[in-house]
C-alpha atoms as a PDB file:
ATOM      1  CA  MET A   1     -99.958 -19.702   9.031  1.00  0.00           C
ATOM      2  CA  THR A   2     -99.154 -24.080  10.290  1.00  0.00           C
ATOM      3  CA  SER A   3     -97.474 -24.140   6.707  1.00  0.00           C
ATOM      4  CA  THR A   4     -95.033 -20.883   7.465  1.00  0.00           C
ATOM      5  CA  PHE A   5     -93.183 -22.165  10.569  1.00  0.00           C
ATOM      6  CA  PRO A   6     -92.169 -25.754   8.965  1.00  0.00           C
ATOM      7  CA  LYS A   7     -90.253 -24.216   6.437  1.00  0.00           C
ATOM      8  CA  LEU A   8     -89.203 -21.545   9.068  1.00  0.00           C
ATOM      9  CA  ILE A   9     -86.977 -24.597  10.641  1.00  0.00           C
ATOM     10  CA  PHE A  10     -86.277 -25.447   7.595  1.00  0.00           C
ATOM     11  CA  LEU A  11     -84.446 -22.224   6.558  1.00  0.00           C
ATOM     12  CA  ALA A  12     -82.640 -21.847   9.864  1.00  0.00           C
ATOM     13  CA  ALA A  13     -81.712 -25.734   8.947  1.00  0.00           C
ATOM     14  CA  LEU A  14     -79.960 -24.896   6.640  1.00  0.00           C
ATOM     15  CA  SER A  15     -78.396 -21.858   7.389  1.00  0.00           C
ATOM     16  CA  ALA A  16     -76.962 -23.393   9.988  1.00  0.00           C
ATOM     17  CA  LEU A  17     -75.246 -26.271   7.533  1.00  0.00           C
ATOM     18  CA  LEU A  18     -73.942 -24.011   5.384  1.00  0.00           C
ATOM     19  CA  ASN A  19     -71.868 -22.202   8.274  1.00  0.00           C
ATOM     20  CA  ALA A  20     -70.830 -25.124   9.571  1.00  0.00           C
ATOM     21  CA  CYS A  21     -69.455 -25.446   6.396  1.00  0.00           C
ATOM     22  CA  ALA A  22     -67.697 -22.659   5.876  1.00  0.00           C
ATOM     23  CA  THR A  23     -65.714 -22.701   9.120  1.00  0.00           C
ATOM     24  CA  SER A  24     -64.831 -26.342   8.666  1.00  0.00           C
ATOM     25  CA  PRO A  25     -60.549 -26.563   8.403  1.00  0.00           C
ATOM     26  CA  GLU A  26     -61.531 -29.201   6.363  1.00  0.00           C
ATOM     27  CA  HIS A  27     -62.745 -26.013   3.766  1.00  0.00           C
ATOM     28  CA  GLU A  28     -60.628 -23.899   4.345  1.00  0.00           C
ATOM     29  CA  PRO A  29     -58.829 -22.798   1.138  1.00  0.00           C
ATOM     30  CA  ILE A  30     -55.624 -23.257   0.771  1.00  0.00           C
ATOM     31  CA  LEU A  31     -52.962 -20.079   0.023  1.00  0.00           C
ATOM     32  CA  ALA A  32     -49.803 -20.614  -2.348  1.00  0.00           C
ATOM     33  CA  SER A  33     -47.077 -20.217  -0.262  1.00  0.00           C
ATOM     34  CA  TYR A  34     -43.711 -18.390  -2.100  1.00  0.00           C
ATOM     35  CA  PRO A  35     -40.188 -17.999  -1.214  1.00  0.00           C
ATOM     36  CA  GLU A  36     -38.892 -14.501   0.467  1.00  0.00           C
ATOM     37  CA  PRO A  37     -36.981 -12.775  -2.448  1.00  0.00           C
ATOM     38  CA  PRO A  38     -33.632 -12.666  -0.958  1.00  0.00           C
ATOM     39  CA  ALA A  39     -31.855 -10.027   0.704  1.00  0.00           C
ATOM     40  CA  ILE A  40     -29.367  -7.692  -1.560  1.00  0.00           C
ATOM     41  CA  LYS A  41     -26.109  -7.633  -0.143  1.00  0.00           C
ATOM     42  CA  LYS A  42     -24.753  -3.853   0.473  1.00  0.00           C
ATOM     43  CA  ASP A  43     -21.491  -3.510  -0.473  1.00  0.00           C
ATOM     44  CA  GLU A  44     -19.955  -2.291   2.746  1.00  0.00           C
ATOM     45  CA  THR A  45     -16.484  -1.920   1.197  1.00  0.00           C
ATOM     46  CA  LYS A  46     -14.810   1.403   2.099  1.00  0.00           C
ATOM     47  CA  TYR A  47     -13.380   4.060   0.346  1.00  0.00           C
ATOM     48  CA  HIS A  48     -11.571   7.108   0.872  1.00  0.00           C
ATOM     49  CA  GLN A  49     -11.755   9.848  -1.709  1.00  0.00           C
ATOM     50  CA  VAL A  50      -9.074  11.432  -3.078  1.00  0.00           C
ATOM     51  CA  LYS A  51      -8.971  15.778  -1.604  1.00  0.00           C
ATOM     52  CA  LYS A  52      -6.735  18.009  -2.250  1.00  0.00           C
ATOM     53  CA  GLY A  53      -3.142  17.499  -1.304  1.00  0.00           C
ATOM     54  CA  ASP A  54      -3.897  13.709  -1.033  1.00  0.00           C
ATOM     55  CA  THR A  55      -0.515  11.379  -1.779  1.00  0.00           C
ATOM     56  CA  LEU A  56      -1.085   6.837  -1.456  1.00  0.00           C
ATOM     57  CA  TYR A  57       1.487   7.398   0.928  1.00  0.00           C
ATOM     58  CA  ALA A  58      -0.751  10.025   3.447  1.00  0.00           C
ATOM     59  CA  ILE A  59      -4.030   7.945   2.510  1.00  0.00           C
ATOM     60  CA  SER A  60      -1.510   4.320   3.664  1.00  0.00           C
ATOM     61  CA  LEU A  61      -0.613   6.274   6.814  1.00  0.00           C
ATOM     62  CA  ILE A  62      -4.259   6.992   7.959  1.00  0.00           C
ATOM     63  CA  TYR A  63      -5.639   3.652   8.148  1.00  0.00           C
ATOM     64  CA  ASP A  64      -2.403   2.171   8.441  1.00  0.00           C
ATOM     65  CA  LEU A  65      -1.975   0.367   5.272  1.00  0.00           C
ATOM     66  CA  ASP A  66       0.618   0.096   3.350  1.00  0.00           C
ATOM     67  CA  TYR A  67       1.269   1.775   0.401  1.00  0.00           C
ATOM     68  CA  ARG A  68       2.027  -0.865  -1.674  1.00  0.00           C
ATOM     69  CA  GLN A  69      -1.044  -3.025  -0.881  1.00  0.00           C
ATOM     70  CA  LEU A  70      -3.752   0.158  -1.853  1.00  0.00           C
ATOM     71  CA  ALA A  71      -1.572   0.773  -5.455  1.00  0.00           C
ATOM     72  CA  GLN A  72      -2.541  -3.050  -6.099  1.00  0.00           C
ATOM     73  CA  TRP A  73      -5.827  -3.073  -4.564  1.00  0.00           C
ATOM     74  CA  ASN A  74      -6.772   0.013  -7.093  1.00  0.00           C
ATOM     75  CA  ARG A  75      -4.555  -0.818 -10.134  1.00  0.00           C
ATOM     76  CA  ILE A  76      -2.577   2.132  -9.217  1.00  0.00           C
ATOM     77  CA  ALA A  77       1.388   1.775 -11.041  1.00  0.00           C
ATOM     78  CA  PRO A  78       4.276   3.654  -9.414  1.00  0.00           C
ATOM     79  CA  PRO A  79       4.920   6.527  -9.119  1.00  0.00           C
ATOM     80  CA  TYR A  80       1.352   6.465  -7.666  1.00  0.00           C
ATOM     81  CA  THR A  81      -0.639   9.533  -8.937  1.00  0.00           C
ATOM     82  CA  ILE A  82      -4.175   9.870  -7.878  1.00  0.00           C
ATOM     83  CA  GLU A  83      -6.484  12.177  -9.034  1.00  0.00           C
ATOM     84  CA  ILE A  84      -8.809  14.375  -6.835  1.00  0.00           C
ATOM     85  CA  GLY A  85     -12.396  12.652  -6.297  1.00  0.00           C
ATOM     86  CA  GLN A  86     -10.621   9.406  -7.715  1.00  0.00           C
ATOM     87  CA  LYS A  87     -12.323   6.574  -4.634  1.00  0.00           C
ATOM     88  CA  ILE A  88      -9.106   4.728  -2.937  1.00  0.00           C
ATOM     89  CA  ARG A  89     -10.821   1.155  -2.166  1.00  0.00           C
ATOM     90  CA  LEU A  90      -9.322   0.139   1.479  1.00  0.00           C
ATOM     91  CA  SER A  91      -9.445  -3.521   1.035  1.00  0.00           C
ATOM     92  CA  ASP A  92      -8.709  -5.937  -1.102  1.00  0.00           C
ATOM     93  CA  PRO A  93     -11.687  -6.610  -3.897  1.00  0.00           C
ATOM     94  CA  THR A  94     -10.086 -10.543  -4.755  1.00  0.00           C
ATOM     95  CA  PRO A  95     -11.728 -13.596  -3.007  1.00  0.00           C
ATOM     96  CA  GLY A  96      -9.155 -15.504  -0.504  1.00  0.00           C
ATOM     97  CA  ASN A  97      -6.983 -12.286  -0.535  1.00  0.00           C
ATOM     98  CA  THR A  98      -4.732 -13.589  -3.861  1.00  0.00           C
ATOM     99  CA  PRO A  99      -3.229 -11.140  -5.924  1.00  0.00           C
ATOM    100  CA  ILE A 100      -4.881  -8.708  -8.253  1.00  0.00           C
ATOM    101  CA  HIS A 101      -2.216  -9.954 -11.255  1.00  0.00           C
ATOM    102  CA  ASN A 102      -1.962 -13.059  -9.760  1.00  0.00           C
ATOM    103  CA  HIS A 103      -2.806 -14.456 -13.617  1.00  0.00           C
ATOM    104  CA  THR A 104      -2.987 -12.869 -16.433  1.00  0.00           C
ATOM    105  CA  ASP A 105       0.435 -10.844 -15.419  1.00  0.00           C
ATOM    106  CA  ALA A 106       2.233 -14.954 -14.326  1.00  0.00           C
ATOM    107  CA  ALA A 107       0.465 -15.178 -18.494  1.00  0.00           C
ATOM    108  CA  ALA A 108       1.987 -12.299 -19.987  1.00  0.00           C
ATOM    109  CA  GLN A 109       5.963 -13.263 -18.582  1.00  0.00           C
ATOM    110  CA  ARG A 110       5.835 -16.519 -19.639  1.00  0.00           C
ATOM    111  CA  LYS A 111       5.171 -15.165 -22.934  1.00  0.00           C
ATOM    112  CA  ALA A 112       7.576 -12.367 -23.064  1.00  0.00           C
ATOM    113  CA  LYS A 113       9.826 -14.931 -21.783  1.00  0.00           C
ATOM    114  CA  GLN A 114       9.202 -16.693 -25.058  1.00  0.00           C
ATOM    115  CA  ASN A 115       9.043 -13.675 -27.024  1.00  0.00           C
ATOM    116  CA  ALA A 116      12.732 -12.758 -26.047  1.00  0.00           C
ATOM    117  CA  GLY A 117      14.032 -16.308 -25.835  1.00  0.00           C
ATOM    118  CA  ALA A 118      13.176 -16.808 -29.447  1.00  0.00           C
ATOM    119  CA  ALA A 119      14.243 -13.286 -30.113  1.00  0.00           C
ATOM    120  CA  THR A 120      17.779 -14.005 -28.599  1.00  0.00           C
ATOM    121  CA  ALA A 121      17.854 -17.515 -30.309  1.00  0.00           C
ATOM    122  CA  ALA A 122      16.865 -15.555 -33.488  1.00  0.00           C
ATOM    123  CA  ASN A 123      19.766 -13.286 -33.269  1.00  0.00           C
ATOM    124  CA  ARG A 124      22.437 -15.563 -31.979  1.00  0.00           C
ATOM    125  CA  PHE A 125      21.854 -17.399 -35.416  1.00  0.00           C
ATOM    126  CA  ASN A 126      22.745 -14.109 -36.947  1.00  0.00           C
ATOM    127  CA  SER A 127      25.411 -14.022 -35.410  1.00  0.00           C
ATOM    128  CA  GLN A 128      26.775 -16.575 -36.039  1.00  0.00           C
ATOM    129  CA  LYS A 129      25.990 -17.293 -40.078  1.00  0.00           C
ATOM    130  CA  LYS A 130      27.538 -13.658 -39.851  1.00  0.00           C
ATOM    131  CA  ASN A 131      30.712 -14.578 -38.049  1.00  0.00           C
ATOM    132  CA  ALA A 132      30.576 -17.921 -40.579  1.00  0.00           C
ATOM    133  CA  VAL A 133      30.952 -15.599 -43.016  1.00  0.00           C
ATOM    134  CA  SER A 134      33.481 -13.064 -42.269  1.00  0.00           C
ATOM    135  CA  PHE A 135      35.897 -16.036 -41.421  1.00  0.00           C
ATOM    136  CA  ALA A 136      35.195 -17.991 -43.945  1.00  0.00           C
ATOM    137  CA  ALA A 137      36.450 -14.935 -45.950  1.00  0.00           C
ATOM    138  CA  ARG A 138      39.912 -14.513 -44.382  1.00  0.00           C
ATOM    139  CA  PRO A 139      42.766 -16.514 -44.606  1.00  0.00           C
ATOM    140  CA  SER A 140      42.835 -18.953 -41.747  1.00  0.00           C
ATOM    141  CA  LEU A 141      46.649 -18.284 -41.599  1.00  0.00           C
ATOM    142  CA  GLY A 142      46.864 -14.698 -40.945  1.00  0.00           C
ATOM    143  CA  TYR A 143      44.276 -14.039 -39.020  1.00  0.00           C
ATOM    144  CA  ARG A 144      45.550 -13.476 -34.644  1.00  0.00           C
ATOM    145  CA  SER A 145      43.189 -12.086 -31.641  1.00  0.00           C
ATOM    146  CA  ALA A 146      42.303  -8.299 -31.135  1.00  0.00           C
ATOM    147  CA  HIS A 147      44.191  -8.876 -28.056  1.00  0.00           C
ATOM    148  CA  THR A 148      46.070 -10.481 -25.950  1.00  0.00           C
ATOM    149  CA  ILE A 149      46.067 -11.642 -22.255  1.00  0.00           C
ATOM    150  CA  PRO A 150      49.036 -11.091 -19.672  1.00  0.00           C
ATOM    151  CA  PRO A 151      50.184 -13.866 -18.252  1.00  0.00           C
ATOM    152  CA  LEU A 152      49.396 -14.998 -14.771  1.00  0.00           C
ATOM    153  CA  ALA A 153      52.368 -14.115 -13.803  1.00  0.00           C
ATOM    154  CA  ASN A 154      52.399 -10.014 -14.446  1.00  0.00           C
ATOM    155  CA  ALA A 155      49.218  -9.942 -12.690  1.00  0.00           C
ATOM    156  CA  SER A 156      49.870  -7.330  -9.906  1.00  0.00           C
ATOM    157  CA  VAL A 157      47.955  -8.234  -6.422  1.00  0.00           C
ATOM    158  CA  LYS A 158      46.741  -6.108  -4.730  1.00  0.00           C
ATOM    159  CA  THR A 159      47.180  -5.356  -0.173  1.00  0.00           C
ATOM    160  CA  GLY A 160      46.003  -3.442   2.391  1.00  0.00           C
ATOM    161  CA  SER A 161      42.453  -2.871   2.669  1.00  0.00           C
ATOM    162  CA  SER A 162      40.162  -0.457   0.119  1.00  0.00           C
ATOM    163  CA  PRO A 163      38.644   2.822   1.946  1.00  0.00           C
ATOM    164  CA  GLN A 164      35.085   2.075   2.955  1.00  0.00           C
ATOM    165  CA  LYS A 165      32.323   3.736   0.979  1.00  0.00           C
ATOM    166  CA  LYS A 166      29.410   5.597   2.850  1.00  0.00           C
ATOM    167  CA  PRO A 167      26.515   3.885   2.352  1.00  0.00           C
ATOM    168  CA  ILE A 168      23.511   4.368  -0.327  1.00  0.00           C
ATOM    169  CA  ILE A 169      20.181   3.713   0.736  1.00  0.00           C
ATOM    170  CA  SER A 170      18.292   2.679  -2.753  1.00  0.00           C
ATOM    171  CA  ILE A 171      15.241   4.413  -2.169  1.00  0.00           C
ATOM    172  CA  ASP A 172      13.132   1.672  -4.908  1.00  0.00           C
ATOM    173  CA  ASN A 173      14.620  -1.236  -4.865  1.00  0.00           C
ATOM    174  CA  THR A 174      12.725  -4.017  -3.092  1.00  0.00           C
ATOM    175  CA  ALA A 175      15.271  -5.513  -0.996  1.00  0.00           C
ATOM    176  CA  MET A 176      15.334  -4.462   2.409  1.00  0.00           C
ATOM    177  CA  LEU A 177      19.151  -2.464   3.143  1.00  0.00           C
ATOM    178  CA  LYS A 178      20.353  -1.779   6.986  1.00  0.00           C
ATOM    179  CA  LEU A 179      18.947   1.390   8.619  1.00  0.00           C
ATOM    180  CA  ASN A 180      20.426   3.461  11.386  1.00  0.00           C
ATOM    181  CA  PHE A 181      17.745   5.709  12.291  1.00  0.00           C
ATOM    182  CA  GLN A 182      18.823   8.329  14.382  1.00  0.00           C
ATOM    183  CA  TRP A 183      16.703  10.780  16.884  1.00  0.00           C
ATOM    184  CA  PRO A 184      14.663  13.980  14.491  1.00  0.00           C
ATOM    185  CA  ILE A 185      15.619  15.864  18.049  1.00  0.00           C
ATOM    186  CA  LYS A 186      17.111  15.843  21.018  1.00  0.00           C
ATOM    187  CA  GLY A 187      13.927  16.336  24.223  1.00  0.00           C
ATOM    188  CA  LYS A 188      11.777  14.579  26.448  1.00  0.00           C
ATOM    189  CA  ILE A 189       9.779  11.719  25.852  1.00  0.00           C
ATOM    190  CA  LEU A 190       6.566  13.897  26.323  1.00  0.00           C
ATOM    191  CA  LYS A 191       3.787  10.892  25.395  1.00  0.00           C
ATOM    192  CA  SER A 192       5.009   7.233  24.427  1.00  0.00           C
ATOM    193  CA  PHE A 193       3.839   4.519  21.899  1.00  0.00           C
ATOM    194  CA  SER A 194       0.660   2.876  22.183  1.00  0.00           C
ATOM    195  CA  GLN A 195      -0.187   5.353  25.252  1.00  0.00           C
ATOM    196  CA  GLU A 196      -3.531   6.798  24.521  1.00  0.00           C
ATOM    197  CA  ASP A 197      -3.865   5.464  20.927  1.00  0.00           C
ATOM    198  CA  ASN A 198      -0.686   7.399  20.387  1.00  0.00           C
ATOM    199  CA  LYS A 199       0.593   5.560  16.386  1.00  0.00           C
ATOM    200  CA  GLY A 200       3.830   7.124  17.326  1.00  0.00           C
ATOM    201  CA  ILE A 201       6.037   9.765  19.942  1.00  0.00           C
ATOM    202  CA  ASP A 202       5.842  12.976  20.852  1.00  0.00           C
ATOM    203  CA  ILE A 203       9.397  14.355  21.616  1.00  0.00           C
ATOM    204  CA  ALA A 204       9.607  17.981  23.846  1.00  0.00           C
ATOM    205  CA  GLY A 205      11.181  20.389  20.864  1.00  0.00           C
ATOM    206  CA  ALA A 206      11.563  24.123  21.568  1.00  0.00           C
ATOM    207  CA  MET A 207       9.790  26.720  19.428  1.00  0.00           C
ATOM    208  CA  GLY A 208      11.407  26.515  15.991  1.00  0.00           C
ATOM    209  CA  GLN A 209      13.690  24.100  17.016  1.00  0.00           C
ATOM    210  CA  ASN A 210      15.603  22.523  13.747  1.00  0.00           C
ATOM    211  CA  VAL A 211      13.900  18.149  12.731  1.00  0.00           C
ATOM    212  CA  ARG A 212      16.578  16.798  11.247  1.00  0.00           C
ATOM    213  CA  ALA A 213      15.350  13.620   8.912  1.00  0.00           C
ATOM    214  CA  THR A 214      16.218  10.046  10.892  1.00  0.00           C
ATOM    215  CA  GLU A 215      17.451   8.490   7.954  1.00  0.00           C
ATOM    216  CA  GLY A 216      18.364   9.041   4.176  1.00  0.00           C
ATOM    217  CA  GLY A 217      15.204   8.997   1.629  1.00  0.00           C
ATOM    218  CA  LYS A 218      12.534  10.273  -0.337  1.00  0.00           C
ATOM    219  CA  VAL A 219       9.913  12.664   0.828  1.00  0.00           C
ATOM    220  CA  VAL A 220       7.042  11.315  -0.509  1.00  0.00           C
ATOM    221  CA  TYR A 221       4.125  13.752   1.036  1.00  0.00           C
ATOM    222  CA  SER A 222       5.082  17.492   2.631  1.00  0.00           C
ATOM    223  CA  GLY A 223       1.358  19.511   4.351  1.00  0.00           C
ATOM    224  CA  GLN A 224      -1.280  19.790   6.084  1.00  0.00           C
ATOM    225  CA  GLY A 225      -3.644  17.827   4.752  1.00  0.00           C
ATOM    226  CA  LEU A 226      -4.117  14.965   7.489  1.00  0.00           C
ATOM    227  CA  ILE A 227      -6.317  15.590  10.215  1.00  0.00           C
ATOM    228  CA  GLY A 228      -4.495  15.761  13.477  1.00  0.00           C
ATOM    229  CA  TYR A 229      -1.110  16.419  11.968  1.00  0.00           C
ATOM    230  CA  GLY A 230      -0.541  19.934  11.351  1.00  0.00           C
ATOM    231  CA  ASN A 231       2.113  20.865   9.047  1.00  0.00           C
ATOM    232  CA  LEU A 232       3.013  16.698   7.832  1.00  0.00           C
ATOM    233  CA  LEU A 233       6.154  15.341   5.811  1.00  0.00           C
ATOM    234  CA  ILE A 234       6.274  11.907   5.582  1.00  0.00           C
ATOM    235  CA  ILE A 235       9.628   9.805   4.127  1.00  0.00           C
ATOM    236  CA  LYS A 236      10.603   6.977   2.336  1.00  0.00           C
ATOM    237  CA  HIS A 237      13.177   5.451   3.349  1.00  0.00           C
ATOM    238  CA  ASN A 238      13.150   1.905   1.518  1.00  0.00           C
ATOM    239  CA  ASP A 239       9.900  -0.357   0.543  1.00  0.00           C
ATOM    240  CA  MET A 240       9.258  -1.216   3.616  1.00  0.00           C
ATOM    241  CA  TYR A 241      10.037   2.005   5.858  1.00  0.00           C
ATOM    242  CA  LEU A 242       8.507   5.387   5.648  1.00  0.00           C
ATOM    243  CA  SER A 243       9.357   8.066   8.792  1.00  0.00           C
ATOM    244  CA  ALA A 244       6.105  10.475   9.435  1.00  0.00           C
ATOM    245  CA  TYR A 245       7.181  14.351  11.172  1.00  0.00           C
ATOM    246  CA  ALA A 246       4.251  15.732  12.802  1.00  0.00           C
ATOM    247  CA  ASN A 247       3.446  19.119  14.103  1.00  0.00           C
ATOM    248  CA  ASN A 248       6.008  21.207  12.173  1.00  0.00           C
ATOM    249  CA  SER A 249       5.358  25.662  12.361  1.00  0.00           C
ATOM    250  CA  GLN A 250       7.479  25.339   9.503  1.00  0.00           C
ATOM    251  CA  LEU A 251       8.451  22.305   6.435  1.00  0.00           C
ATOM    252  CA  LEU A 252      11.383  23.306   4.586  1.00  0.00           C
ATOM    253  CA  VAL A 253      11.286  20.100   1.831  1.00  0.00           C
ATOM    254  CA  ALA A 254       9.193  20.320  -0.176  1.00  0.00           C
ATOM    255  CA  GLU A 255       7.521  16.371  -1.847  1.00  0.00           C
ATOM    256  CA  GLY A 256      10.491  14.472  -4.086  1.00  0.00           C
ATOM    257  CA  TYR A 257      13.088  16.191  -2.620  1.00  0.00           C
ATOM    258  CA  THR A 258      15.699  13.287  -1.364  1.00  0.00           C
ATOM    259  CA  VAL A 259      17.466  14.247   1.906  1.00  0.00           C
ATOM    260  CA  LYS A 260      20.297  12.808   3.638  1.00  0.00           C
ATOM    261  CA  LYS A 261      20.170  11.361   7.067  1.00  0.00           C
ATOM    262  CA  GLY A 262      20.506  14.395   9.693  1.00  0.00           C
ATOM    263  CA  GLU A 263      19.767  16.973   7.007  1.00  0.00           C
ATOM    264  CA  VAL A 264      17.189  19.832   8.499  1.00  0.00           C
ATOM    265  CA  ILE A 265      14.009  18.749   7.331  1.00  0.00           C
ATOM    266  CA  ALA A 266      11.680  21.505   9.432  1.00  0.00           C
ATOM    267  CA  LYS A 267      10.872  23.224  12.465  1.00  0.00           C
ATOM    268  CA  VAL A 268       9.133  22.158  15.794  1.00  0.00           C
ATOM    269  CA  GLY A 269       5.421  23.721  15.915  1.00  0.00           C
ATOM    270  CA  GLN A 270       2.885  23.788  18.872  1.00  0.00           C
ATOM    271  CA  ALA A 271       0.811  20.268  18.804  1.00  0.00           C
ATOM    272  CA  GLY A 272      -1.602  21.901  21.342  1.00  0.00           C
ATOM    273  CA  VAL A 273      -2.214  24.477  23.786  1.00  0.00           C
ATOM    274  CA  ASN A 274       0.852  25.161  25.420  1.00  0.00           C
ATOM    275  CA  LYS A 275       2.648  22.673  24.052  1.00  0.00           C
ATOM    276  CA  THR A 276       5.724  22.303  21.565  1.00  0.00           C
ATOM    277  CA  SER A 277       6.033  19.142  20.854  1.00  0.00           C
ATOM    278  CA  LEU A 278       7.478  16.989  17.709  1.00  0.00           C
ATOM    279  CA  HIS A 279       5.141  13.889  17.110  1.00  0.00           C
ATOM    280  CA  PHE A 280       7.233  10.865  15.322  1.00  0.00           C
ATOM    281  CA  GLU A 281       6.371   7.359  13.544  1.00  0.00           C
ATOM    282  CA  ILE A 282       8.165   4.689  12.019  1.00  0.00           C
ATOM    283  CA  ARG A 283       5.925   2.688   9.927  1.00  0.00           C
ATOM    284  CA  LYS A 284       6.951  -0.478   8.689  1.00  0.00           C
ATOM    285  CA  ASN A 285       4.666  -2.509   6.440  1.00  0.00           C
ATOM    286  CA  GLY A 286       2.257   0.770   6.885  1.00  0.00           C
ATOM    287  CA  LYS A 287       1.971  -0.174  10.261  1.00  0.00           C
ATOM    288  CA  PRO A 288       3.266   1.571  13.133  1.00  0.00           C
ATOM    289  CA  VAL A 289       6.052   0.494  15.008  1.00  0.00           C
ATOM    290  CA  ASN A 290       7.708   1.592  18.261  1.00  0.00           C
ATOM    291  CA  PRO A 291      10.085   3.538  17.582  1.00  0.00           C
ATOM    292  CA  LEU A 292      12.161   3.717  20.072  1.00  0.00           C
ATOM    293  CA  GLU A 293      12.971   0.132  19.694  1.00  0.00           C
ATOM    294  CA  LEU A 294      15.204   1.419  16.407  1.00  0.00           C
ATOM    295  CA  LEU A 295      15.527   4.419  17.981  1.00  0.00           C
ATOM    296  CA  PRO A 296      19.621   4.522  19.311  1.00  0.00           C
ATOM    297  CA  GLY A 297      19.409   5.233  23.775  1.00  0.00           C
ATOM    298  CA  LYS A 298      20.465   8.430  24.560  1.00  0.00           C
END
């Protein structure tokens, strides 16, 4: 028994020493640290999926965008044909908002101009060569001009002013032409611009009252596919201005039709319960503007 007790003391001391080494911070295991994997950036780009009846102009009206921007962002060429199910991008895909065709189109245009210049020079040389041969074959004394210029003294001078022609609005011209908007219907303003997020004005009218084109242009939308607009017409006056006529009881013109200023295009309908009115908007570069600033005073 005497020899066993020292052994127990030795084993207890050894066990205590091993436990101390195991818990000592100097002998803690070193764990390798690895950086967190980079988070995958989600594509937060918004799209509009084309449904039956949609046009690029109608989509631009929904999102307050310029139809030309939508066309550029989605590489859609005139006449801006879109297909059902197609996803229309609603933001600029290029960094720094640079034009999509900035580099490729510029290079192509430069090359086209160079080729056109070379072709023109070659044609001019061939023409001169041909003329040189034909004139050389003729006697120099026998050549006379095919026509003569009348003397300046005999030139007639017109007096007075000619009748002015009716101005014609160019639909496809990028230059801004003067527009003289007229009221689509005559009536009391029920809701003004920006009132309760209104993007136009609401004009009181009678059921079936004639709605007239506020200016000449081309009908680019005629249907009822836009929620909240009912039977809707959109007229493109030029590259900058569009006008919209909503909540009609009847549409009288189809897409692609060219209308004249004052032409009857629709009939007034109801915008809600016991509310017979026309919702009218004017868009400038895709953004709604106050129609009262462009319409004549009553």
